[in-house]
């Protein structure tokens, strides 16, 4: 997905990279919601229904992020969209960093035989991806604050 945001940033004229990142966060949200319902949604019938829906949802999100002319947004709507995406990235970051931290703690505290591979699979991708998601969350939050402050600057004042 990072290639989509990079493509938006390097096209001529450059696009709104934070909006593309936010759109991709909303596109990935159903996949995160799939995890708590794993047992119910991994039956054959559920997979036949859920997979095409998730596939189309993600494809539409990528298409929306890559569009050259996104529909105009009010500063308030932009602020809300970026803040919501910031929360999604924060949840992903906390989950990945928490899993990596838990794996490190368990390896240091009382290592269980045969869990080295699982620990490495939690730590090696979890730390960098968690840090990257946290960075994206902070930047999206700051972009939402900028959009909010520009909305406040455009608001009529009572004198």
Protein backbone atom coordinates (compact mmCIF):
# COMPACT_ATOMS: atom_id res chain seq x y z
CA UNK A 1 0.00 0.00 0.00
CA UNK A 2 2.95 2.31 0.49
CA UNK A 3 3.43 2.36 -3.29
CA UNK A 4 -0.02 3.95 -3.64
CA UNK A 5 0.87 6.83 -1.31
CA UNK A 6 4.23 7.25 -3.05
CA UNK A 7 2.50 7.31 -6.45
CA UNK A 8 0.16 10.04 -5.23
CA UNK A 9 3.13 12.05 -3.93
CA UNK A 10 5.26 11.85 -7.10
CA UNK A 11 2.63 12.35 -9.78
CA UNK A 12 2.42 15.67 -11.56
CA UNK A 13 0.86 17.68 -9.96
CA UNK A 14 1.42 16.02 -6.58
CA UNK A 15 -1.67 14.75 -4.82
CA UNK A 16 -2.80 14.82 -1.22
CA UNK A 17 -0.69 12.07 0.33
CA UNK A 18 -2.35 12.16 3.75
CA UNK A 19 -5.77 11.83 2.19
CA UNK A 20 -4.51 8.82 0.20
CA UNK A 21 -3.11 7.27 3.40
CA UNK A 22 -6.42 7.90 5.17
CA UNK A 23 -8.37 6.30 2.32
CA UNK A 24 -6.14 3.24 2.50
CA UNK A 25 -6.69 3.03 6.26
CA UNK A 26 -10.44 2.97 5.72
CA UNK A 27 -9.90 0.38 3.00
CA UNK A 28 -8.00 -1.89 5.39
CA UNK A 29 -10.44 -1.49 8.28
CA UNK A 30 -12.68 -4.48 7.32
CA UNK A 31 -9.63 -6.76 7.38
CA UNK A 32 -8.92 -5.70 10.98
CA UNK A 33 -12.55 -6.25 11.90
CA UNK A 34 -12.28 -9.73 10.38
CA UNK A 35 -9.78 -10.87 13.04
CA UNK A 36 -12.12 -10.91 16.09
CA UNK A 37 -14.67 -12.93 14.11
CA UNK A 38 -12.08 -15.36 12.75
CA UNK A 39 -13.85 -18.55 13.86
CA UNK A 40 -17.21 -17.53 12.44
CA UNK A 41 -15.88 -16.06 9.20
CA UNK A 42 -13.49 -18.86 8.22
CA UNK A 43 -16.18 -21.39 7.41
CA UNK A 44 -16.52 -22.28 3.74
CA UNK A 45 -19.78 -20.38 3.23
CA UNK A 46 -18.57 -17.28 5.06
CA UNK A 47 -15.35 -17.22 3.04
CA UNK A 48 -17.28 -17.45 -0.22
CA UNK A 49 -19.18 -14.32 0.80
CA UNK A 50 -16.55 -12.41 2.81
CA UNK A 51 -13.55 -12.74 0.50
CA UNK A 52 -15.13 -11.07 -2.56
CA UNK A 53 -16.56 -8.30 -0.37
CA UNK A 54 -13.18 -7.65 1.28
CA UNK A 55 -11.38 -7.85 -2.07
CA UNK A 56 -13.70 -5.34 -3.72
CA UNK A 57 -13.60 -3.07 -0.64
CA UNK A 58 -9.77 -2.96 -0.76
CA UNK A 59 -9.67 -2.48 -4.54
CA UNK A 60 -12.11 0.43 -4.35
CA UNK A 61 -10.01 2.02 -1.58
CA UNK A 62 -6.88 1.76 -3.74
CA UNK A 63 -8.74 3.23 -6.72
CA UNK A 64 -10.08 6.10 -4.58
CA UNK A 65 -6.60 6.83 -3.22
CA UNK A 66 -5.08 6.92 -6.72
CA UNK A 67 -7.68 9.20 -8.33
CA UNK A 68 -6.25 12.40 -9.78
CA UNK A 69 -9.25 14.54 -8.89
CA UNK A 70 -10.81 13.53 -5.59
CA UNK A 71 -14.12 15.18 -4.72
CA UNK A 72 -13.71 18.44 -2.78
CA UNK A 73 -13.97 18.28 0.99
CA UNK A 74 -14.81 20.91 3.53
CA UNK A 75 -12.06 21.54 6.09
CA UNK A 76 -14.27 19.99 8.79
CA UNK A 77 -14.85 16.80 6.78
CA UNK A 78 -11.13 16.57 5.96
CA UNK A 79 -10.27 16.96 9.63
CA UNK A 80 -12.73 14.23 10.64
CA UNK A 81 -11.49 11.88 7.90
CA UNK A 82 -7.84 12.32 8.83
CA UNK A 83 -8.53 11.99 12.57
CA UNK A 84 -10.47 8.75 12.03
CA UNK A 85 -7.64 7.32 9.93
CA UNK A 86 -5.20 8.40 12.65
CA UNK A 87 -7.16 6.29 15.13
CA UNK A 88 -7.07 3.29 12.78
CA UNK A 89 -3.30 3.57 12.35
CA UNK A 90 -2.88 4.04 16.13
CA UNK A 91 -4.83 0.84 16.80
CA UNK A 92 -2.69 -1.04 14.28
CA UNK A 93 0.48 0.38 15.82
CA UNK A 94 -0.53 -0.53 19.36
CA UNK A 95 -1.49 -4.04 18.28
CA UNK A 96 1.77 -4.69 16.44
CA UNK A 97 4.01 -3.12 19.06
CA UNK A 98 2.06 -4.87 21.84
CA UNK A 99 2.46 -8.27 20.18
CA UNK A 100 6.17 -7.66 19.61
CA UNK A 101 6.62 -6.47 23.19
CA UNK A 102 4.72 -9.49 24.52
CA UNK A 103 6.90 -11.84 22.45
CA UNK A 104 10.08 -10.18 23.72
CA UNK A 105 8.85 -10.30 27.30
CA UNK A 106 7.94 -13.99 27.05
CA UNK A 107 11.33 -14.84 25.49
CA UNK A 108 13.17 -13.03 28.29
CA UNK A 109 10.97 -14.12 31.18
CA UNK A 110 10.40 -17.83 30.64
CA UNK A 111 11.16 -19.07 27.14
CA UNK A 112 8.93 -21.96 26.07
CA UNK A 113 10.51 -24.65 23.92
CA UNK A 114 9.65 -24.36 20.24
CA UNK A 115 8.40 -20.77 20.31
CA UNK A 116 11.47 -19.12 18.80
CA UNK A 117 9.98 -18.99 15.28
CA UNK A 118 6.67 -17.58 16.52
CA UNK A 119 8.54 -14.97 18.58
CA UNK A 120 10.62 -13.93 15.58
CA UNK A 121 7.49 -13.71 13.41
CA UNK A 122 5.93 -11.36 15.98
CA UNK A 123 9.04 -9.24 16.61
CA UNK A 124 10.76 -8.90 13.23
CA UNK A 125 7.80 -7.50 11.25
CA UNK A 126 5.94 -6.19 14.32
CA UNK A 127 8.47 -3.61 15.48
CA UNK A 128 9.13 -1.80 12.17
CA UNK A 129 5.52 -2.00 10.96
CA UNK A 130 4.22 -0.89 14.35
CA UNK A 131 6.63 2.04 14.38
CA UNK A 132 5.64 2.97 10.82
CA UNK A 133 1.93 2.82 11.68
CA UNK A 134 2.57 4.96 14.76
CA UNK A 135 4.44 7.51 12.64
CA UNK A 136 1.56 7.59 10.14
CA UNK A 137 -0.93 7.98 12.99
CA UNK A 138 0.92 10.97 14.45
CA UNK A 139 1.29 12.64 11.06
CA UNK A 140 -2.38 12.08 10.21
CA UNK A 141 -3.35 13.54 13.57
CA UNK A 142 -1.19 16.61 12.92
CA UNK A 143 -2.68 16.97 9.42
CA UNK A 144 -6.16 16.76 10.98
CA UNK A 145 -5.23 19.52 13.43
CA UNK A 146 -3.98 21.69 10.56
CA UNK A 147 -7.25 21.10 8.70
CA UNK A 148 -9.19 21.94 11.87
CA UNK A 149 -7.21 25.13 12.44
CA UNK A 150 -7.75 26.20 8.82
CA UNK A 151 -11.47 25.59 9.33
CA UNK A 152 -11.39 27.73 12.46
CA UNK A 153 -9.49 30.46 10.59
CA UNK A 154 -12.13 30.47 7.83
CA UNK A 155 -15.02 30.66 10.29
CA UNK A 156 -16.79 34.01 10.49
CA UNK A 157 -16.12 35.93 13.66
CA UNK A 158 -18.71 37.81 15.64
CA UNK A 159 -17.68 41.38 16.39
